[in-house]
N, C-alpha and C. Protein backbone atom coordinates (compact mmCIF):
# COMPACT_ATOMS: atom_id res chain seq x y z
N MET A 1 14.03 4.00 19.83
CA MET A 1 12.73 4.14 20.45
C MET A 1 11.65 3.87 19.40
N ALA A 2 10.70 3.05 19.75
CA ALA A 2 9.61 2.72 18.83
C ALA A 2 8.65 3.89 18.70
N LEU A 3 8.13 4.04 17.51
CA LEU A 3 7.15 5.10 17.28
C LEU A 3 5.78 4.66 17.76
N GLY A 4 5.08 5.54 18.41
CA GLY A 4 3.72 5.25 18.85
C GLY A 4 2.73 5.41 17.71
N TYR A 5 1.50 5.01 17.95
CA TYR A 5 0.47 5.09 16.92
C TYR A 5 0.30 6.52 16.43
N ARG A 6 0.26 7.46 17.34
CA ARG A 6 0.06 8.86 16.95
C ARG A 6 1.25 9.40 16.15
N ASP A 7 2.44 8.91 16.44
CA ASP A 7 3.63 9.36 15.71
C ASP A 7 3.66 8.81 14.29
N ARG A 8 3.09 7.63 14.09
CA ARG A 8 3.12 7.00 12.77
C ARG A 8 1.99 7.46 11.88
N SER A 9 0.98 8.05 12.42
CA SER A 9 -0.21 8.41 11.67
C SER A 9 0.09 9.20 10.40
N PRO A 10 0.86 10.28 10.46
CA PRO A 10 1.15 11.03 9.22
C PRO A 10 1.93 10.20 8.20
N LEU A 11 2.82 9.35 8.69
CA LEU A 11 3.59 8.50 7.78
C LEU A 11 2.69 7.49 7.09
N VAL A 12 1.79 6.89 7.83
CA VAL A 12 0.86 5.93 7.25
C VAL A 12 -0.07 6.62 6.25
N ALA A 13 -0.54 7.81 6.60
CA ALA A 13 -1.41 8.56 5.69
C ALA A 13 -0.67 8.92 4.40
N ALA A 14 0.58 9.32 4.52
CA ALA A 14 1.37 9.67 3.33
C ALA A 14 1.60 8.44 2.45
N PHE A 15 1.87 7.30 3.07
CA PHE A 15 2.06 6.06 2.31
C PHE A 15 0.76 5.68 1.60
N GLY A 16 -0.35 5.78 2.29
CA GLY A 16 -1.65 5.47 1.69
C GLY A 16 -1.95 6.37 0.50
N LEU A 17 -1.65 7.65 0.66
CA LEU A 17 -1.86 8.61 -0.43
C LEU A 17 -0.97 8.27 -1.63
N ALA A 18 0.27 7.90 -1.37
CA ALA A 18 1.19 7.53 -2.45
C ALA A 18 0.69 6.29 -3.20
N VAL A 19 0.19 5.32 -2.46
CA VAL A 19 -0.34 4.11 -3.10
C VAL A 19 -1.55 4.45 -3.95
N ALA A 20 -2.42 5.32 -3.44
CA ALA A 20 -3.60 5.72 -4.19
C ALA A 20 -3.21 6.45 -5.48
N VAL A 21 -2.22 7.32 -5.41
CA VAL A 21 -1.78 8.06 -6.59
C VAL A 21 -1.20 7.09 -7.63
N VAL A 22 -0.38 6.14 -7.18
CA VAL A 22 0.18 5.15 -8.10
C VAL A 22 -0.93 4.34 -8.76
N ALA A 23 -1.93 3.95 -7.98
CA ALA A 23 -3.04 3.17 -8.53
C ALA A 23 -3.83 3.97 -9.56
N ILE A 24 -4.11 5.22 -9.26
CA ILE A 24 -4.89 6.06 -10.18
C ILE A 24 -4.11 6.32 -11.46
N VAL A 25 -2.85 6.71 -11.32
CA VAL A 25 -2.03 6.96 -12.51
C VAL A 25 -1.86 5.67 -13.31
N GLY A 26 -1.64 4.56 -12.62
CA GLY A 26 -1.47 3.29 -13.32
C GLY A 26 -2.69 2.89 -14.13
N THR A 27 -3.88 3.07 -13.53
CA THR A 27 -5.08 2.65 -14.25
C THR A 27 -5.50 3.65 -15.33
N GLN A 28 -5.36 4.92 -15.06
CA GLN A 28 -5.84 5.94 -16.00
C GLN A 28 -4.84 6.27 -17.10
N VAL A 29 -3.55 6.26 -16.78
CA VAL A 29 -2.54 6.69 -17.75
C VAL A 29 -1.82 5.49 -18.38
N LEU A 30 -1.49 4.50 -17.57
CA LEU A 30 -0.68 3.39 -18.06
C LEU A 30 -1.50 2.18 -18.48
N GLY A 31 -2.80 2.22 -18.26
CA GLY A 31 -3.66 1.12 -18.69
C GLY A 31 -3.57 -0.13 -17.85
N TRP A 32 -3.14 0.01 -16.58
CA TRP A 32 -3.05 -1.16 -15.71
C TRP A 32 -4.44 -1.65 -15.37
N GLU A 33 -4.58 -2.96 -15.31
CA GLU A 33 -5.84 -3.58 -14.87
C GLU A 33 -5.51 -4.77 -14.00
N TRP A 34 -6.24 -4.89 -12.89
CA TRP A 34 -6.04 -6.03 -12.01
C TRP A 34 -6.51 -7.30 -12.72
N GLY A 35 -5.70 -8.32 -12.68
CA GLY A 35 -6.07 -9.59 -13.28
C GLY A 35 -5.84 -9.67 -14.78
N SER A 36 -5.17 -8.69 -15.35
CA SER A 36 -4.95 -8.68 -16.80
C SER A 36 -3.69 -9.44 -17.20
N GLY A 37 -2.98 -9.98 -16.21
CA GLY A 37 -1.76 -10.71 -16.50
C GLY A 37 -0.53 -9.82 -16.60
N GLN A 38 -0.69 -8.53 -16.34
CA GLN A 38 0.45 -7.62 -16.37
C GLN A 38 1.22 -7.75 -15.05
N LEU A 39 2.54 -7.74 -15.12
CA LEU A 39 3.37 -7.98 -13.95
C LEU A 39 3.35 -6.82 -12.96
N VAL A 40 3.49 -5.59 -13.42
CA VAL A 40 3.62 -4.44 -12.51
C VAL A 40 2.39 -4.25 -11.63
N PRO A 41 1.16 -4.23 -12.16
CA PRO A 41 0.02 -4.06 -11.26
C PRO A 41 -0.12 -5.20 -10.27
N THR A 42 0.23 -6.40 -10.68
CA THR A 42 0.16 -7.54 -9.77
C THR A 42 1.18 -7.39 -8.65
N LEU A 43 2.40 -6.99 -9.00
CA LEU A 43 3.42 -6.79 -7.97
C LEU A 43 3.04 -5.68 -7.01
N VAL A 44 2.52 -4.57 -7.52
CA VAL A 44 2.09 -3.47 -6.65
C VAL A 44 1.01 -3.97 -5.69
N GLY A 45 0.04 -4.69 -6.20
CA GLY A 45 -1.03 -5.21 -5.35
C GLY A 45 -0.52 -6.17 -4.29
N VAL A 46 0.37 -7.06 -4.66
CA VAL A 46 0.92 -8.04 -3.72
C VAL A 46 1.74 -7.34 -2.64
N VAL A 47 2.57 -6.38 -3.02
CA VAL A 47 3.40 -5.66 -2.04
C VAL A 47 2.52 -4.89 -1.07
N VAL A 48 1.53 -4.17 -1.58
CA VAL A 48 0.66 -3.38 -0.72
C VAL A 48 -0.15 -4.29 0.21
N ALA A 49 -0.64 -5.40 -0.31
CA ALA A 49 -1.38 -6.34 0.52
C ALA A 49 -0.48 -6.93 1.61
N GLY A 50 0.76 -7.23 1.28
CA GLY A 50 1.71 -7.73 2.27
C GLY A 50 1.99 -6.73 3.37
N ILE A 51 2.15 -5.47 2.99
CA ILE A 51 2.37 -4.41 3.98
C ILE A 51 1.15 -4.27 4.89
N ALA A 52 -0.03 -4.37 4.31
CA ALA A 52 -1.25 -4.27 5.12
C ALA A 52 -1.35 -5.43 6.11
N VAL A 53 -1.00 -6.62 5.69
CA VAL A 53 -1.04 -7.78 6.59
C VAL A 53 -0.05 -7.61 7.73
N VAL A 54 1.16 -7.16 7.42
CA VAL A 54 2.17 -6.93 8.45
C VAL A 54 1.69 -5.86 9.44
N ALA A 55 1.10 -4.79 8.93
CA ALA A 55 0.63 -3.72 9.81
C ALA A 55 -0.47 -4.22 10.75
N VAL A 56 -1.38 -5.02 10.23
CA VAL A 56 -2.46 -5.56 11.07
C VAL A 56 -1.90 -6.52 12.11
N LEU A 57 -0.99 -7.39 11.72
CA LEU A 57 -0.39 -8.33 12.67
C LEU A 57 0.38 -7.61 13.76
N ARG A 58 1.09 -6.55 13.40
CA ARG A 58 1.84 -5.79 14.42
C ARG A 58 0.89 -5.10 15.38
N ARG A 59 -0.20 -4.60 14.87
CA ARG A 59 -1.18 -3.93 15.75
C ARG A 59 -1.82 -4.94 16.69
N LEU A 60 -2.15 -6.13 16.19
CA LEU A 60 -2.79 -7.15 17.01
C LEU A 60 -1.84 -7.73 18.06
N SER A 61 -0.55 -7.79 17.73
CA SER A 61 0.40 -8.39 18.65
C SER A 61 0.89 -7.44 19.74
N GLY A 62 0.68 -6.18 19.57
CA GLY A 62 1.22 -5.32 20.63
C GLY A 62 0.64 -3.99 20.59
């Protein structure tokens, strides 16, 4: 059974919070900077952007 929007809300919020924590820790503790040529911050950004695109496309399609 597919999850409805209301059922996914806490999961989406938890994922968003986890991404925010990774970004804050990465920039403040690990010295990550967007566009600095470092692989890990670039991969994190690309993965999160890909997930966001998929989520928007799924919402628009159904």
